[in-house]
Protein backbone atom coordinates (compact mmCIF):
# COMPACT_ATOMS: atom_id res chain seq x y z
CA MET A 1 -27.10 -3.95 -2.85
CA LYS A 2 -28.23 -1.20 -5.56
CA LYS A 3 -24.63 0.73 -4.77
CA TYR A 4 -22.46 -1.95 -5.60
CA LEU A 5 -25.29 -2.36 -9.01
CA ILE A 6 -24.59 0.89 -10.34
CA ILE A 7 -21.54 1.17 -9.84
CA ILE A 8 -20.63 -1.44 -11.63
CA ALA A 9 -23.20 -1.09 -14.61
CA LEU A 10 -20.90 2.06 -15.23
CA SER A 11 -18.14 0.25 -14.87
CA LEU A 12 -19.33 -1.56 -17.84
CA CYS A 13 -20.56 1.10 -20.01
CA THR A 14 -16.73 2.39 -19.39
CA THR A 15 -15.57 -1.13 -20.49
CA THR A 16 -17.44 -1.01 -23.55
CA VAL A 17 -17.00 2.87 -24.89
CA PHE A 18 -13.04 2.55 -24.07
CA SER A 19 -12.92 -0.42 -25.35
CA GLN A 20 -14.00 0.95 -28.85
CA MET A 21 -11.80 3.72 -28.58
CA THR A 22 -8.92 1.67 -28.15
CA LYS A 23 -9.86 -0.33 -31.53
CA GLU A 24 -9.90 2.87 -33.46
CA ASN A 25 -6.60 4.12 -32.13
CA ASP A 26 -3.56 3.47 -30.39
CA TYR A 27 -4.53 5.40 -27.59
CA GLY A 28 -7.69 4.26 -24.82
CA ILE A 29 -7.84 1.54 -21.91
CA ASN A 30 -4.23 -0.40 -21.47
CA THR A 31 -5.95 -1.99 -18.49
CA LEU A 32 -8.89 -2.57 -17.36
CA SER A 33 -9.89 -5.16 -14.59
CA PHE A 34 -11.54 -6.37 -11.19
CA GLU A 35 -9.70 -7.80 -8.02
CA VAL A 36 -11.06 -9.42 -6.04
CA ARG A 37 -9.73 -11.37 -2.19
CA THR A 38 -11.81 -13.26 -0.07
CA ASP A 39 -10.80 -14.82 3.37
CA PHE A 40 -11.67 -17.25 6.19
CA ASP A 41 -10.21 -16.26 9.48
CA TYR A 42 -9.66 -17.61 12.94
CA TYR A 43 -8.42 -15.44 15.74
CA SER A 44 -7.71 -16.78 19.37
CA GLN A 45 -6.78 -14.18 22.26
CA ASN A 46 -7.20 -14.46 26.07
CA ASP A 47 -8.82 -17.69 25.27
CA SER A 48 -11.59 -16.55 23.13
CA SER A 49 -12.03 -17.30 19.19
CA TYR A 50 -13.07 -15.63 16.40
CA THR A 51 -14.25 -17.29 12.68
CA GLY A 52 -15.64 -16.36 9.87
CA PHE A 53 -15.44 -15.97 5.83
CA THR A 54 -15.13 -12.24 4.67
CA GLY A 55 -14.92 -10.28 1.17
CA ARG A 56 -11.42 -8.41 2.50
CA TYR A 57 -11.32 -7.05 -1.03
CA LEU A 58 -12.92 -5.95 -4.22
CA ASN A 59 -10.95 -3.71 -6.70
CA PHE A 60 -11.93 -1.89 -10.10
CA ILE A 61 -8.52 -0.74 -11.58
CA LEU A 62 -8.45 1.65 -14.89
CA LYS A 63 -5.40 2.58 -16.34
CA GLY A 64 -4.77 3.78 -20.08
CA ASP A 65 -3.04 6.85 -22.40
CA ILE A 66 -5.31 9.64 -23.50
CA ASN A 67 -2.41 10.40 -25.98
CA GLU A 68 1.26 10.59 -26.10
CA HIS A 69 1.89 12.83 -23.37
CA PHE A 70 -1.02 11.73 -20.78
CA TYR A 71 -2.40 9.57 -19.45
CA TYR A 72 -4.34 8.29 -16.40
CA VAL A 73 -4.38 5.71 -13.59
CA TYR A 74 -7.80 4.50 -11.43
CA ARG A 75 -8.10 2.30 -8.86
CA GLN A 76 -11.88 2.12 -6.61
CA ARG A 77 -12.12 -0.05 -3.63
CA ILE A 78 -15.47 -1.14 -4.22
CA ASN A 79 -16.17 -2.81 -0.95
CA LYS A 80 -15.69 0.47 0.81
CA ILE A 81 -18.83 2.14 -0.40
CA GLN A 82 -21.17 3.49 2.06
CA SER A 83 -22.99 5.58 -0.17
CA ILE A 84 -22.06 7.92 -3.70
CA ALA A 85 -21.18 11.13 -1.53
CA ASN A 86 -18.50 9.54 -0.03
CA PHE A 87 -17.42 7.91 -2.99
CA PHE A 88 -13.87 9.22 -3.45
CA ASP A 89 -13.47 8.16 0.42
CA ALA A 90 -13.12 4.67 -1.12
CA THR A 91 -10.77 5.63 -4.26
CA ASP A 92 -7.60 4.00 -3.63
CA TYR A 93 -5.92 6.20 -6.33
CA LEU A 94 -6.97 8.73 -8.97
CA TYR A 95 -4.55 10.70 -11.31
CA ILE A 96 -4.11 11.84 -14.55
CA GLY A 97 -0.04 11.91 -15.42
CA TRP A 98 1.76 14.02 -18.30
CA ARG A 99 4.86 12.56 -20.09
CA ILE A 100 6.62 16.05 -20.23
CA THR A 101 9.64 15.09 -21.79
CA LYS A 102 11.17 11.19 -21.69
CA ASN A 103 12.76 11.81 -18.29
CA ILE A 104 10.04 14.04 -16.49
CA SER A 105 6.53 13.33 -15.67
CA TRP A 106 3.87 15.40 -13.52
CA THR A 107 0.74 13.73 -12.57
CA ALA A 108 -1.90 15.45 -10.17
CA GLY A 109 -5.09 14.18 -8.25
CA LYS A 110 -4.98 11.36 -5.58
CA GLU A 111 -2.24 10.00 -5.27
CA VAL A 112 -0.22 7.35 -2.84
CA VAL A 113 1.16 8.75 -0.80
CA ALA A 114 5.57 8.23 -1.17
CA MET A 115 6.91 6.53 1.53
CA GLY A 116 9.17 4.25 1.64
CA GLY A 117 9.77 0.24 2.42
CA ILE A 118 8.40 -2.36 0.53
CA GLU A 119 5.41 -3.75 2.86
CA TYR A 120 4.20 -0.41 2.62
CA ASP A 121 4.82 0.16 -0.62
CA LEU A 122 2.88 -3.15 -1.65
CA ALA A 123 -0.96 -2.83 -3.09
CA PRO A 124 -3.53 -3.67 0.58
CA ILE A 125 -4.61 -7.17 -1.56
CA ASP A 126 -1.31 -8.49 -0.88
CA ILE A 127 -0.87 -7.90 2.33
CA TYR A 128 -1.40 -10.60 4.85
CA PHE A 129 -0.77 -9.80 8.30
CA HIS A 130 1.56 -6.33 9.20
CA SER A 131 3.83 -4.19 11.62
CA ARG A 132 1.87 -1.39 13.19
CA SER A 133 3.69 1.43 10.73
CA TRP A 134 1.57 -0.35 7.29
CA GLU A 135 -1.26 1.16 8.75
CA LEU A 136 -0.97 5.10 7.56
CA ASP A 137 -3.81 7.19 6.03
CA CYS A 138 -1.95 6.36 2.91
CA TYR A 139 -4.22 7.62 -0.35
CA GLN A 140 -4.54 11.74 -0.68
CA PHE A 141 -4.55 14.24 -2.43
CA GLY A 142 -1.73 16.11 -4.12
CA THR A 143 0.67 16.51 -6.82
CA ASP A 144 4.11 15.45 -8.00
CA VAL A 145 7.34 15.35 -10.35
CA SER A 146 8.94 12.21 -10.83
CA TYR A 147 12.36 12.16 -12.98
CA THR A 148 13.40 8.67 -14.54
CA THR A 149 16.47 8.14 -15.32
CA ASP A 150 17.85 7.50 -19.19
CA ASP A 151 18.27 3.52 -18.24
CA GLY A 152 14.95 3.39 -17.01
CA LYS A 153 16.59 1.77 -13.41
CA ASN A 154 15.60 4.91 -11.17
CA ILE A 155 12.96 7.21 -10.27
CA PHE A 156 13.19 9.84 -8.25
CA THR A 157 10.02 11.81 -6.80
CA LEU A 158 8.93 15.39 -4.84
CA GLN A 159 5.54 15.07 -3.81
CA LEU A 160 3.10 17.35 -2.62
CA THR A 161 -0.29 16.00 -1.05
CA ASN A 162 -2.53 16.77 1.86
CA SER A 163 -1.54 15.32 5.44
CA PRO A 164 -2.20 11.63 5.90
CA PHE A 165 -3.13 13.21 9.84
CA GLY A 166 -5.34 16.36 8.57
CA LYS A 167 -8.90 16.77 10.21
CA GLY A 168 -10.55 17.27 7.40
CA LEU A 169 -10.48 18.22 3.31
CA TYR A 170 -9.44 21.81 4.32
CA SER A 171 -7.23 21.49 7.94
CA GLY A 172 -4.36 23.13 6.02
CA LEU A 173 -1.74 20.18 7.20
CA TYR A 174 0.71 18.39 3.82
CA ASN A 175 2.97 15.77 3.54
CA TYR A 176 6.07 16.21 1.59
CA SER A 177 8.38 13.54 -0.47
CA VAL A 178 11.29 12.97 -1.46
CA HIS A 179 11.06 9.58 -2.53
CA TRP A 180 13.85 7.07 -4.80
CA ARG A 181 12.80 3.69 -6.62
CA ALA A 182 15.63 1.42 -7.98
CA ASP A 183 15.16 -1.58 -10.66
CA TYR A 184 18.75 -3.41 -10.17
CA LYS A 185 19.60 -7.19 -10.93
CA TYR A 186 19.68 -8.49 -7.21
CA PHE A 187 17.75 -5.15 -4.86
CA GLY A 188 14.34 -3.40 -5.46
CA PRO A 189 15.38 0.06 -3.16
CA VAL A 190 12.63 1.75 -2.18
CA CYS A 191 13.23 4.75 0.00
CA SER A 192 12.02 7.55 1.05
CA ILE A 193 11.75 11.09 3.42
CA ASN A 194 8.68 12.84 4.26
CA MET A 195 7.40 15.49 6.24
CA PHE A 196 3.74 15.06 7.88
CA GLU A 197 2.38 17.34 9.14
CA VAL A 198 -0.01 16.98 12.07
CA ASN A 199 -0.72 19.59 13.44
CA LYS A 200 0.09 23.55 11.82
CA GLY A 201 3.77 23.71 11.84
CA SER A 202 4.89 20.66 14.33
CA PHE A 203 6.03 18.13 11.91
CA LEU A 204 6.53 13.67 11.66
CA ASN A 205 9.79 13.55 9.83
CA VAL A 206 10.15 9.95 8.56
CA VAL A 207 13.19 8.59 7.27
CA ALA A 208 12.14 4.70 5.40
CA LEU A 209 14.57 2.57 4.09
CA GLY A 210 13.31 -0.79 2.03
CA THR A 211 14.79 -2.76 -0.28
CA THR A 212 13.46 -5.75 -2.17
CA TYR A 213 15.68 -9.00 -3.20
CA SER A 214 16.65 -11.55 -5.01
CA PHE A 215 19.17 -14.89 -5.15
CA GLY A 216 17.63 -17.18 -7.98
CA ILE A 217 14.78 -18.93 -5.58
CA VAL A 218 14.99 -17.15 -2.89
CA ASP A 219 13.74 -13.29 -2.10
CA GLY A 220 12.73 -11.20 0.75
CA SER A 221 12.60 -8.05 1.71
CA LEU A 222 13.55 -5.62 4.41
CA ASP A 223 12.07 -2.17 5.55
CA PHE A 224 13.35 0.41 8.11
CA LEU A 225 11.55 3.43 9.25
CA HIS A 226 12.28 5.78 12.01
CA ARG A 227 9.46 8.16 13.11
CA ALA A 228 10.86 11.99 15.00
CA SER A 229 8.92 15.16 15.68
CA THR A 230 10.23 18.63 15.03
CA GLU A 231 9.07 18.94 18.85
CA GLN A 232 11.26 16.07 20.14
CA LYS A 233 14.12 16.83 22.39
CA GLU A 234 16.03 13.84 21.70
CA TYR A 235 15.39 12.60 17.80
CA LEU A 236 17.09 9.45 17.24
CA GLY A 237 15.96 5.92 18.37
CA HIS A 238 12.91 6.51 20.12
CA ASP A 239 9.89 5.29 17.45
CA TYR A 240 10.62 3.30 14.70
CA THR A 241 10.43 -0.09 12.95
CA PHE A 242 11.84 -3.18 11.27
CA ILE A 243 10.86 -5.65 9.37
CA GLY A 244 12.22 -8.78 7.37
CA GLN A 245 10.65 -11.52 4.78
CA ILE A 246 12.16 -14.32 3.17
CA GLY A 247 10.58 -16.68 1.02
CA VAL A 248 11.43 -19.63 -1.62
CA SER A 249 9.51 -20.03 -4.87
CA LEU A 250 9.46 -24.19 -5.63
CA PHE A 251 8.02 -25.75 -8.63
CA LYS A 252 8.65 -22.77 -11.73
CA GLU A 253 6.97 -20.71 -8.98
CA LYS A 254 3.26 -21.98 -8.96
CA LEU A 255 4.15 -22.23 -4.54
CA HIS A 256 5.97 -19.42 -2.52
CA VAL A 257 6.26 -20.03 1.12
CA TYR A 258 8.04 -17.14 3.42
CA VAL A 259 8.54 -16.10 6.92
CA LYS A 260 8.47 -12.58 7.99
CA GLY A 261 8.85 -10.87 11.04
CA GLY A 262 8.17 -7.10 12.16
CA TYR A 263 8.66 -4.68 15.46
CA ASP A 264 7.24 -1.43 16.14
CA PHE A 265 8.62 0.31 18.92
CA ASN A 266 7.92 4.25 20.67
CA ASP A 267 8.70 5.45 23.70
CA ALA A 268 9.57 9.22 22.74
CA GLN A 269 6.22 10.06 24.84
CA PRO A 270 4.95 8.17 28.27
CA ALA A 271 2.14 5.37 26.94
CA GLU A 272 -1.28 7.39 28.59
CA THR A 273 -0.41 10.73 25.63
CA THR A 274 -3.43 10.28 24.15
CA VAL A 275 -3.48 10.09 19.97
CA GLU A 276 -4.49 13.63 19.98
CA THR A 277 -1.17 14.79 21.47
CA ALA A 278 1.39 12.42 19.87
CA PHE A 279 4.25 12.96 18.22
CA ASP A 280 3.30 9.93 16.01
CA PRO A 281 -0.51 9.46 15.82
CA TYR A 282 -0.18 6.52 13.66
CA VAL A 283 2.59 4.23 15.71
CA THR A 284 1.14 5.85 19.17
CA PRO A 285 3.70 6.50 22.25
CA GLY A 286 3.78 3.36 24.72
CA THR A 287 3.62 1.25 21.68
CA ASP A 288 6.05 -2.41 21.57
CA MET A 289 4.89 -5.04 19.64
CA LYS A 290 6.29 -7.95 17.75
CA THR A 291 4.81 -9.57 14.61
CA TYR A 292 5.50 -12.68 13.26
CA GLY A 293 4.67 -15.86 11.05
CA GLY A 294 5.25 -17.25 7.91
CA GLY A 295 2.61 -18.17 4.63
CA PHE A 296 2.45 -19.89 1.08
CA GLU A 297 0.85 -18.67 -1.78
CA PHE A 298 0.13 -20.91 -3.94
CA PHE A 299 -0.97 -19.96 -8.63
CA PRO A 300 -2.63 -23.13 -9.79
CA ILE A 301 -2.20 -21.52 -12.92
CA ASN A 302 0.86 -22.27 -15.32
CA GLY A 303 2.37 -18.96 -16.05
CA SER A 304 -0.65 -16.86 -15.04
CA LYS A 305 -0.75 -15.16 -11.19
CA SER A 306 -4.52 -14.18 -12.06
CA LEU A 307 -5.94 -16.47 -9.51
CA ARG A 308 -3.86 -17.22 -5.91
CA LEU A 309 -4.19 -19.59 -2.74
CA HIS A 310 -2.88 -18.22 0.35
CA GLY A 311 -2.76 -19.34 3.70
CA PHE A 312 -0.77 -17.81 7.02
CA PHE A 313 -0.29 -18.56 11.08
CA ALA A 314 0.48 -14.53 12.48
CA VAL A 315 1.13 -14.16 16.07
CA ASN A 316 0.44 -10.08 16.58
CA ASP A 317 2.81 -10.20 20.38
CA THR A 318 2.05 -6.71 22.54
CA LYS A 319 3.35 -6.21 25.19
CA GLY A 320 1.52 -5.41 28.39
CA GLU A 321 -1.41 -7.32 26.52
CA GLU A 322 -2.56 -10.75 25.99
CA VAL A 323 -0.73 -12.08 22.49
CA LEU A 324 -3.06 -12.38 19.21
CA TYR A 325 -2.78 -15.60 16.64
CA GLN A 326 -4.75 -15.52 13.74
CA CYS A 327 -5.15 -18.63 11.31
CA ASN A 328 -5.84 -17.38 7.34
CA LEU A 329 -6.41 -18.98 4.54
CA GLY A 330 -8.21 -16.72 0.89
CA LEU A 331 -8.59 -16.85 -2.47
CA THR A 332 -7.60 -13.76 -5.18
CA TRP A 333 -8.61 -14.24 -8.39
CA ARG A 334 -7.82 -10.83 -10.84
CA LEU A 335 -10.29 -10.73 -14.21
CA ASN A 336 -8.43 -8.62 -16.74
CA PHE A 337 -11.17 -7.48 -19.15
CA ILE A 338 -8.41 -5.27 -21.04
CA LYS A 339 -4.74 -5.58 -20.98
CA ARG A 340 -1.77 -4.48 -23.47
């Protein structure tokens, strides 16, 4: 408890100092906020059930400009901090950016690994139930260079970070990403090609294709991820994920209802292959899993999404295992101390 009080006190001090800075010039904090999510879960599997309330996320977010060229972005997951010594383990991202030109920018620090797919792209606080492919250790130290087109609709990024599969900080394993994000009238593609170094000189190659779509009150997303190791003899069709979601917004976007389904599959190696020798260490060999369900989001404050009530029912059907059922109700609130 003491560590949380210290962190909150430091956050409030930061708020005071930077708020004054913001008043005195055009630079400083653009966003300073906390976001919290609490859930009630009911799980059922093999005639056993588990229930309980939990605080799932407590995030501190800070974004701003140092001057017209340099900016910073910071998100700390306070509920994951175990001690001051491992503070960075609970840091989702913390990086500084340099707007080199109107179109080109550079960032360095702890970043989100640039991989495509809409489920992966969402912040964890906005994920209710998910596929196995979402479980990547996606926050890593590194650097990237981005190019934004003149119309602002396309961002192309080259990124180098530590590999999510590195054993320790100085494992010498890296991730190489080529990433494309776009924003069009009806579609919002988020796609990438990634090379994740699993062992020295051995890579898990991922092609991740995802897009949002929106047509009036109907919205949703589609993802396809294909994974293959440089050591595989047969490259295509042995390790992949499909994810789809469709939803409808009602009552002036105060209510959103949706259904979602996903399928993870990996038969590139025998099911008994260990994680240490797997080509794909996170959607492991032998995976044959269907995830599906539906739910709702309700925003009670007119014109604002700072308060959200959600609920869902989901099924996790893994081949060779008992089916897992989950019911969930939760509340999310976002406190914006500064937003401009």
